[in-house]
């Protein structure tokens, strides 16, 4: 089975030109077929501020009202996505920027209102990657923005880590898949203030133990929840690392 590497890159990396350029050079050196999934939340927040639109976050998740939806669509599906595509083309990589509405590849429903109304935030219901597979087989690199749609004309803001995990799961039916979460740290750390304290291998039981002890906390928890779910659903390998660790290194997750 053909190997496919999916790299999800966080906002702190894509929103700094130097780190983005370094990331894309390292990404271009990954052998074989590949997919890039990106965030861009800080750019959305900055543009919203310039336009006088208030940003509201609840437990790290963005409340997406109608005006904020316009912002994230412009930023994620427009500037950030096409900036990455243009720079990949400059590196000799044929890239195609997509949202979940393109090729109907990522369907979602508007998140139901329970205790919090998140607005136009999408919970993924179906991933249709059948039309993406031929692109990947032709060495075209899909560059996926964190936007889904509901099939009735509504764009929805969707967590990029979740999109990466669900896309990797869908591709795992057709490819031998490796998912790499790339962010500013070299891996999952025992001490957030010590970048040398990398946990080289992490099982689900160890993750739960570290979570109970408060060693793993905050934004790393949903990232690891997504990762272990993807491993259980057929993704072959998952690593969490930084730019320098794209080809090897970081934290490898194990069932």
Protein backbone atom coordinates (compact mmCIF):
# COMPACT_ATOMS: atom_id res chain seq x y z
CA UNK A 1 0.00 0.00 0.00
CA UNK A 2 1.29 3.45 -0.96
CA UNK A 3 2.48 5.65 1.92
CA UNK A 4 0.86 9.02 2.59
CA UNK A 5 2.16 11.59 5.07
CA UNK A 6 -0.27 14.16 6.47
CA UNK A 7 1.20 17.17 8.27
CA UNK A 8 -0.99 19.44 10.38
CA UNK A 9 0.79 22.72 11.09
CA UNK A 10 -0.26 25.13 13.82
CA UNK A 11 -0.97 28.82 13.58
CA UNK A 12 2.21 29.98 15.33
CA UNK A 13 4.22 28.31 12.56
CA UNK A 14 2.19 29.40 9.50
CA UNK A 15 1.71 32.98 10.69
CA UNK A 16 5.43 33.80 10.92
CA UNK A 17 7.06 34.09 7.52
CA UNK A 18 10.44 32.72 8.61
CA UNK A 19 8.98 29.67 10.35
CA UNK A 20 6.55 29.07 7.49
CA UNK A 21 9.34 29.14 4.93
CA UNK A 22 11.39 26.72 7.03
CA UNK A 23 8.38 24.44 7.50
CA UNK A 24 7.65 24.28 3.79
CA UNK A 25 11.28 23.51 2.92
CA UNK A 26 11.26 20.63 5.43
CA UNK A 27 7.82 19.53 4.21
CA UNK A 28 9.01 19.49 0.59
CA UNK A 29 11.74 17.02 1.55
CA UNK A 30 9.28 14.42 2.90
CA UNK A 31 9.43 11.51 0.50
CA UNK A 32 6.34 10.33 -1.34
CA UNK A 33 2.76 11.54 -1.30
CA UNK A 34 1.73 14.16 1.25
CA UNK A 35 -1.06 16.42 2.48
CA UNK A 36 -0.79 19.67 4.48
CA UNK A 37 -3.49 20.84 6.91
CA UNK A 38 -3.12 24.31 8.42
CA UNK A 39 -4.56 26.56 11.09
CA UNK A 40 -4.44 30.36 11.22
CA UNK A 41 -6.37 31.49 14.27
CA UNK A 42 -4.04 34.30 15.28
CA UNK A 43 -4.28 35.88 11.83
CA UNK A 44 -8.08 35.69 12.06
CA UNK A 45 -8.01 37.35 15.48
CA UNK A 46 -5.70 40.11 14.23
CA UNK A 47 -7.87 40.87 11.18
CA UNK A 48 -11.02 40.85 13.30
CA UNK A 49 -9.43 43.40 15.63
CA UNK A 50 -8.51 45.63 12.68
CA UNK A 51 -12.13 45.48 11.52
CA UNK A 52 -13.53 46.19 14.99
CA UNK A 53 -14.96 42.69 15.46
CA UNK A 54 -14.62 41.23 18.95
CA UNK A 55 -13.09 37.76 19.33
CA UNK A 56 -14.62 35.53 21.98
CA UNK A 57 -12.91 32.29 23.02
CA UNK A 58 -14.30 29.63 25.36
CA UNK A 59 -11.78 27.05 26.60
CA UNK A 60 -9.58 27.79 23.59
CA UNK A 61 -12.41 27.46 21.06
CA UNK A 62 -13.58 30.39 18.95
CA UNK A 63 -17.19 31.57 19.06
CA UNK A 64 -18.00 32.02 15.36
CA UNK A 65 -20.87 34.43 14.72
CA UNK A 66 -21.79 35.62 11.21
CA UNK A 67 -19.16 38.37 11.13
CA UNK A 68 -16.42 36.13 12.55
CA UNK A 69 -17.34 33.46 9.98
CA UNK A 70 -16.59 35.96 7.21
CA UNK A 71 -13.21 36.66 8.82
CA UNK A 72 -12.16 33.02 9.23
CA UNK A 73 -13.32 32.16 5.71
CA UNK A 74 -11.23 35.02 4.28
CA UNK A 75 -8.19 34.18 6.39
CA UNK A 76 -8.22 30.37 6.40
CA UNK A 77 -9.60 29.70 2.92
CA UNK A 78 -8.01 32.78 1.38
CA UNK A 79 -4.81 34.45 2.56
CA UNK A 80 -3.22 31.71 4.68
CA UNK A 81 -4.17 28.88 2.33
CA UNK A 82 -3.11 30.57 -0.90
CA UNK A 83 0.09 31.92 0.65
CA UNK A 84 1.09 28.33 1.48
CA UNK A 85 0.11 27.10 -1.99
CA UNK A 86 2.14 29.82 -3.71
CA UNK A 87 5.23 29.06 -1.63
CA UNK A 88 4.92 25.32 -2.29
CA UNK A 89 4.74 26.06 -6.02
CA UNK A 90 7.96 28.07 -5.65
CA UNK A 91 9.56 24.92 -4.19
CA UNK A 92 8.51 22.90 -7.21
CA UNK A 93 5.53 21.19 -5.54
CA UNK A 94 2.19 21.02 -7.32
CA UNK A 95 -0.25 22.12 -4.61
CA UNK A 96 -4.00 22.64 -4.54
CA UNK A 97 -5.67 24.67 -1.78
CA UNK A 98 -9.05 23.41 -0.59
CA UNK A 99 -11.73 23.99 2.03
CA UNK A 100 -14.10 21.24 3.08
CA UNK A 101 -16.69 22.55 0.61
CA UNK A 102 -14.33 21.98 -2.34
CA UNK A 103 -14.95 18.56 -3.90
CA UNK A 104 -17.44 18.07 -1.03
CA UNK A 105 -14.59 16.53 0.91
CA UNK A 106 -15.53 17.56 4.50
CA UNK A 107 -19.19 17.54 5.58
CA UNK A 108 -20.31 18.77 8.98
CA UNK A 109 -23.30 19.89 11.01
CA UNK A 110 -23.58 23.16 12.89
CA UNK A 111 -22.69 22.38 16.50
CA UNK A 112 -25.87 22.00 18.58
CA UNK A 113 -26.39 24.59 21.29
CA UNK A 114 -26.03 23.02 24.73
CA UNK A 115 -24.43 25.13 27.46
CA UNK A 116 -22.60 27.32 24.93
CA UNK A 117 -23.63 28.60 21.50
CA UNK A 118 -20.47 28.32 19.40
CA UNK A 119 -22.20 29.81 16.37
CA UNK A 120 -21.12 28.60 12.95
CA UNK A 121 -18.79 25.87 14.17
CA UNK A 122 -18.94 22.53 12.41
CA UNK A 123 -18.84 19.04 13.89
CA UNK A 124 -17.62 16.64 11.21
CA UNK A 125 -20.09 14.04 9.97
CA UNK A 126 -18.45 12.65 6.83
CA UNK A 127 -15.13 12.82 4.98
CA UNK A 128 -15.29 12.20 1.24
CA UNK A 129 -11.72 11.76 0.03
CA UNK A 130 -12.48 9.70 -3.07
CA UNK A 131 -11.80 12.70 -5.33
CA UNK A 132 -8.67 13.60 -3.36
CA UNK A 133 -7.09 10.15 -3.79
CA UNK A 134 -6.40 10.54 -7.54
CA UNK A 135 -4.78 13.93 -6.84
CA UNK A 136 -2.51 12.43 -4.20
CA UNK A 137 -1.61 9.56 -6.53
CA UNK A 138 -0.50 12.16 -9.11
CA UNK A 139 1.78 13.79 -6.49
CA UNK A 140 -0.49 16.82 -6.18
CA UNK A 141 -0.40 18.10 -2.59
CA UNK A 142 -3.79 19.08 -1.12
CA UNK A 143 -3.47 22.05 1.24
CA UNK A 144 -6.50 21.88 3.52
CA UNK A 145 -7.99 24.88 5.34
CA UNK A 146 -9.93 24.36 8.61
CA UNK A 147 -13.36 24.97 7.07
CA UNK A 148 -16.14 22.45 6.45
CA UNK A 149 -19.68 22.80 5.05
CA UNK A 150 -23.15 21.44 5.79
CA UNK A 151 -24.19 20.45 2.27
CA UNK A 152 -26.86 23.16 2.20
CA UNK A 153 -24.65 26.10 1.34
CA UNK A 154 -23.30 26.93 4.78
CA UNK A 155 -19.55 27.19 5.45
CA UNK A 156 -18.56 26.16 8.99
CA UNK A 157 -15.46 26.86 11.08
CA UNK A 158 -13.91 23.54 12.19
CA UNK A 159 -10.98 22.71 14.45
CA UNK A 160 -7.85 22.04 12.36
CA UNK A 161 -6.55 19.26 14.63
CA UNK A 162 -9.87 17.45 14.23
CA UNK A 163 -9.85 17.94 10.46
CA UNK A 164 -6.33 16.47 10.34
CA UNK A 165 -7.34 13.41 12.36
CA UNK A 166 -10.55 12.75 10.42
CA UNK A 167 -8.80 13.23 7.07
CA UNK A 168 -6.04 10.82 8.10
CA UNK A 169 -8.63 8.25 9.17
CA UNK A 170 -10.41 8.53 5.81
CA UNK A 171 -7.16 8.23 3.84
CA UNK A 172 -6.08 5.20 5.91
CA UNK A 173 -8.59 3.10 3.97
CA UNK A 174 -6.57 3.73 0.80
CA UNK A 175 -3.01 4.48 1.97
CA UNK A 176 -0.51 3.63 4.67
CA UNK A 177 -0.91 6.84 6.63
CA UNK A 178 1.35 8.82 8.94
CA UNK A 179 -0.05 11.90 10.66
CA UNK A 180 2.38 14.49 12.03
CA UNK A 181 1.22 17.34 14.25
CA UNK A 182 3.81 20.09 13.80
CA UNK A 183 3.88 23.01 16.22
CA UNK A 184 6.44 25.16 18.06
CA UNK A 185 7.56 22.52 20.58
CA UNK A 186 9.83 19.53 19.78
CA UNK A 187 7.26 17.04 21.10
CA UNK A 188 5.07 16.30 24.11
CA UNK A 189 7.05 17.56 27.10
CA UNK A 190 7.21 16.44 30.72
CA UNK A 191 8.14 20.02 31.64
CA UNK A 192 6.75 22.78 29.42
CA UNK A 193 9.68 24.99 30.42
CA UNK A 194 12.29 22.41 29.36
CA UNK A 195 12.37 21.66 25.64
CA UNK A 196 14.71 18.73 26.24
CA UNK A 197 12.11 16.89 28.36
CA UNK A 198 10.52 15.20 25.35
CA UNK A 199 8.44 12.08 25.96
CA UNK A 200 9.74 9.96 23.03
CA UNK A 201 6.93 7.38 23.11
CA UNK A 202 3.47 7.86 24.58
CA UNK A 203 0.70 5.30 25.06
CA UNK A 204 -2.94 6.08 25.77
CA UNK A 205 -2.60 4.85 29.37
CA UNK A 206 0.49 7.02 29.91
CA UNK A 207 -1.34 10.01 28.43
CA UNK A 208 -4.21 9.56 30.89
CA UNK A 209 -1.73 9.25 33.77
CA UNK A 210 0.16 12.41 32.74
CA UNK A 211 -3.15 14.22 32.31
CA UNK A 212 -4.25 13.29 35.84
CA UNK A 213 -0.90 14.53 37.17
CA UNK A 214 -1.26 17.83 35.29
CA UNK A 215 1.90 17.18 33.26
CA UNK A 216 -0.10 17.16 30.02
CA UNK A 217 -2.70 19.92 29.99
CA UNK A 218 -4.41 22.73 28.08
CA UNK A 219 -4.32 22.58 24.28
CA UNK A 220 -2.26 19.39 24.18
CA UNK A 221 -5.20 17.37 25.55
CA UNK A 222 -7.58 17.73 22.55
CA UNK A 223 -4.61 17.22 20.18
CA UNK A 224 -3.80 13.90 21.87
CA UNK A 225 -7.47 12.91 22.14
CA UNK A 226 -7.76 13.37 18.35
CA UNK A 227 -4.50 11.50 17.81
CA UNK A 228 -5.36 8.40 19.82
CA UNK A 229 -8.79 8.26 18.21
CA UNK A 230 -7.11 8.32 14.79
CA UNK A 231 -4.72 5.53 15.81
CA UNK A 232 -7.67 3.42 16.92
CA UNK A 233 -9.44 4.11 13.61
CA UNK A 234 -6.64 2.85 11.37
CA UNK A 235 -3.97 5.56 11.03
CA UNK A 236 -0.64 3.73 11.00
CA UNK A 237 1.62 6.20 12.78
CA UNK A 238 1.25 9.53 14.58
CA UNK A 239 4.00 11.86 15.75
CA UNK A 240 3.97 15.24 17.49
CA UNK A 241 7.00 17.41 16.83
CA UNK A 242 8.36 20.72 15.51
CA UNK A 243 9.69 21.77 12.11
CA UNK A 244 13.12 20.20 12.63
CA UNK A 245 11.51 16.89 13.61
CA UNK A 246 9.29 16.52 10.55
CA UNK A 247 11.28 13.65 9.06
CA UNK A 248 12.16 12.02 12.40
CA UNK A 249 11.97 12.76 16.10
CA UNK A 250 9.42 14.17 18.48
CA UNK A 251 6.85 12.09 20.33
CA UNK A 252 5.53 8.90 18.72
CA UNK A 253 2.12 7.76 19.90
CA UNK A 254 1.35 4.11 20.52
CA UNK A 255 -1.92 2.34 21.35
